[in-house]
C-alpha atoms as a PDB file:
ATOM      1  CA  LEU A   1       1.942  11.959   6.326  1.00  0.00           C
ATOM      2  CA  GLN A   2       5.516  11.703   7.076  1.00  0.00           C
ATOM      3  CA  GLY A   3       5.908   8.119   5.947  1.00  0.00           C
ATOM      4  CA  GLN A   4       4.136   8.746   2.641  1.00  0.00           C
ATOM      5  CA  LEU A   5       6.630  11.993   2.133  1.00  0.00           C
ATOM      6  CA  LYS A   6       9.477   9.398   3.122  1.00  0.00           C
ATOM      7  CA  ILE A   7       8.503   6.845   0.387  1.00  0.00           C
ATOM      8  CA  THR A   8       7.534   9.306  -2.310  1.00  0.00           C
ATOM      9  CA  LYS A   9      10.717  11.329  -1.576  1.00  0.00           C
ATOM     10  CA  ARG A  10       8.888  14.455  -1.310  1.00  0.00           C
ATOM     11  CA  ASN A  11       9.657  17.610   0.860  1.00  0.00           C
ATOM     12  CA  VAL A  12       6.385  18.951   1.196  1.00  0.00           C
ATOM     13  CA  CYS A  13       2.574  17.919   1.453  1.00  0.00           C
ATOM     14  CA  TYR A  14      -0.577  20.150   1.244  1.00  0.00           C
ATOM     15  CA  PHE A  15      -2.930  18.475   3.533  1.00  0.00           C
ATOM     16  CA  VAL A  16      -6.393  19.808   2.722  1.00  0.00           C
ATOM     17  CA  VAL A  17      -9.946  19.640   4.878  1.00  0.00           C
ATOM     18  CA  TYR A  18     -12.821  20.370   2.709  1.00  0.00           C
ATOM     19  CA  SER A  19     -16.392  21.100   3.230  1.00  0.00           C
ATOM     20  CA  GLU A  20     -19.273  23.077   2.003  1.00  0.00           C
ATOM     21  CA  LYS A  21     -18.768  26.031   4.259  1.00  0.00           C
ATOM     22  CA  TRP A  22     -15.065  25.807   4.721  1.00  0.00           C
ATOM     23  CA  ILE A  23     -11.774  24.986   3.511  1.00  0.00           C
ATOM     24  CA  GLU A  24      -8.690  24.581   5.622  1.00  0.00           C
ATOM     25  CA  TYR A  25      -5.090  23.533   4.397  1.00  0.00           C
ATOM     26  CA  ASP A  26      -1.873  22.996   5.991  1.00  0.00           C
ATOM     27  CA  VAL A  27       1.501  22.711   4.554  1.00  0.00           C
ATOM     28  CA  ILE A  28       3.313  19.504   6.183  1.00  0.00           C
ATOM     29  CA  ASP A  29       7.189  19.652   5.803  1.00  0.00           C
ATOM     30  CA  TYR A  30       9.161  16.490   5.571  1.00  0.00           C
ATOM     31  CA  ASP A  31      11.091  16.175   9.089  1.00  0.00           C
ATOM     32  CA  GLU A  32      13.874  13.941   8.581  1.00  0.00           C
ATOM     33  CA  ARG A  33      14.997  13.941  12.366  1.00  0.00           C
ATOM     34  CA  PHE A  34      11.441  13.058  13.418  1.00  0.00           C
ATOM     35  CA  TRP A  35      11.466  10.291  10.730  1.00  0.00           C
ATOM     36  CA  TYR A  36      14.620   8.476  12.222  1.00  0.00           C
ATOM     37  CA  SER A  37      14.217   9.499  15.778  1.00  0.00           C
ATOM     38  CA  LYS A  38      10.632   8.022  15.897  1.00  0.00           C
ATOM     39  CA  MET A  39       9.352   6.275  12.955  1.00  0.00           C
ATOM     40  CA  ASP A  40      12.453   4.353  11.709  1.00  0.00           C
ATOM     41  CA  ILE A  41      12.869   2.375  15.032  1.00  0.00           C
ATOM     42  CA  GLN A  42       9.051   1.810  15.587  1.00  0.00           C
ATOM     43  CA  LEU A  43       8.709   0.622  11.869  1.00  0.00           C
ATOM     44  CA  GLU A  44      11.617  -1.740  12.171  1.00  0.00           C
ATOM     45  CA  THR A  45      10.458  -3.333  15.507  1.00  0.00           C
ATOM     46  CA  PHE A  46       6.878  -3.621  13.867  1.00  0.00           C
ATOM     47  CA  TYR A  47       8.163  -5.381  10.852  1.00  0.00           C
ATOM     48  CA  LYS A  48      10.936  -7.835  12.506  1.00  0.00           C
ATOM     49  CA  GLU A  49       8.682  -8.760  15.546  1.00  0.00           C
ATOM     50  CA  CYS A  50       5.120  -8.417  14.070  1.00  0.00           C
ATOM     51  CA  LEU A  51       5.054  -8.904  10.226  1.00  0.00           C
ATOM     52  CA  LEU A  52       8.286 -11.031   9.396  1.00  0.00           C
ATOM     53  CA  PRO A  53       7.250 -13.934  11.621  1.00  0.00           C
ATOM     54  CA  LYS A  54       3.539 -14.234  10.015  1.00  0.00           C
ATOM     55  CA  LEU A  55       5.344 -13.977   6.544  1.00  0.00           C
ATOM     56  CA  VAL A  56       7.760 -16.956   7.675  1.00  0.00           C
ATOM     57  CA  GLU A  57       5.185 -19.024   9.390  1.00  0.00           C
ATOM     58  CA  PRO A  58       1.603 -18.159   9.111  1.00  0.00           C
ATOM     59  CA  ARG A  59      -0.031 -20.481  11.407  1.00  0.00           C
ATOM     60  CA  TYR A  60      -3.182 -18.777  12.074  1.00  0.00           C
ATOM     61  CA  GLY A  61      -4.643 -19.138   8.427  1.00  0.00           C
ATOM     62  CA  LYS A  62      -4.217 -22.839   8.826  1.00  0.00           C
ATOM     63  CA  ARG A  63      -5.890 -23.792  11.989  1.00  0.00           C
ATOM     64  CA  LEU A  64      -7.844 -20.765  12.955  1.00  0.00           C
ATOM     65  CA  LEU A  65      -6.931 -21.136  16.623  1.00  0.00           C
ATOM     66  CA  LYS A  66      -6.657 -17.790  18.685  1.00  0.00           C
ATOM     67  CA  SER A  67      -3.698 -19.517  20.700  1.00  0.00           C
ATOM     68  CA  ASP A  68      -2.088 -19.590  17.232  1.00  0.00           C
ATOM     69  CA  ILE A  69      -1.859 -15.682  17.396  1.00  0.00           C
ATOM     70  CA  PHE A  70       1.660 -14.342  18.670  1.00  0.00           C
ATOM     71  CA  GLU A  71       1.924 -11.291  20.405  1.00  0.00           C
ATOM     72  CA  PRO A  72       5.553  -9.770  20.250  1.00  0.00           C
ATOM     73  CA  THR A  73       7.379  -8.912  23.419  1.00  0.00           C
ATOM     74  CA  GLN A  74       7.370  -5.341  22.905  1.00  0.00           C
ATOM     75  CA  ILE A  75       3.596  -5.066  22.152  1.00  0.00           C
ATOM     76  CA  LEU A  76       2.848  -7.171  25.263  1.00  0.00           C
ATOM     77  CA  HIS A  77       5.083  -5.149  27.503  1.00  0.00           C
ATOM     78  CA  ASN A  78       3.481  -1.754  26.212  1.00  0.00           C
ATOM     79  CA  ILE A  79       0.028  -3.220  26.967  1.00  0.00           C
ATOM     80  CA  LYS A  80       0.671  -4.152  30.515  1.00  0.00           C
ATOM     81  CA  ASN A  81       2.241  -1.024  31.236  1.00  0.00           C
ATOM     82  CA  LYS A  82      -0.366   0.967  29.133  1.00  0.00           C
ATOM     83  CA  ASN A  83       2.162   2.790  27.227  1.00  0.00           C
ATOM     84  CA  LYS A  84       1.037   5.302  24.780  1.00  0.00           C
ATOM     85  CA  ILE A  85       3.313   6.773  22.258  1.00  0.00           C
ATOM     86  CA  ILE A  86       2.791  10.270  20.841  1.00  0.00           C
ATOM     87  CA  LEU A  87       4.694  10.506  17.978  1.00  0.00           C
ATOM     88  CA  TYR A  88       4.048  14.342  16.800  1.00  0.00           C
ATOM     89  CA  VAL A  89       2.479  17.481  18.444  1.00  0.00           C
ATOM     90  CA  SER A  90       2.645  20.572  16.798  1.00  0.00           C
END
């Protein structure tokens, strides 16, 4: 939701869960500190290491070989060390 708030330049979001027996809602405020300390860095890394190389040289779509799938260094490091990123705990 923080990403959607950032992209749409909104300050608040009403997160609603509805069923026939109950309704629950929560007001989510845009958190600029969270965005720049957690999301911005992660998204930039993902774009530069994962998305951009595929856009520039999309090898997998041509040969369809598993060896053409490139795993970025940061992703391999996280898998090896079983790093789990907790972005937000309320």
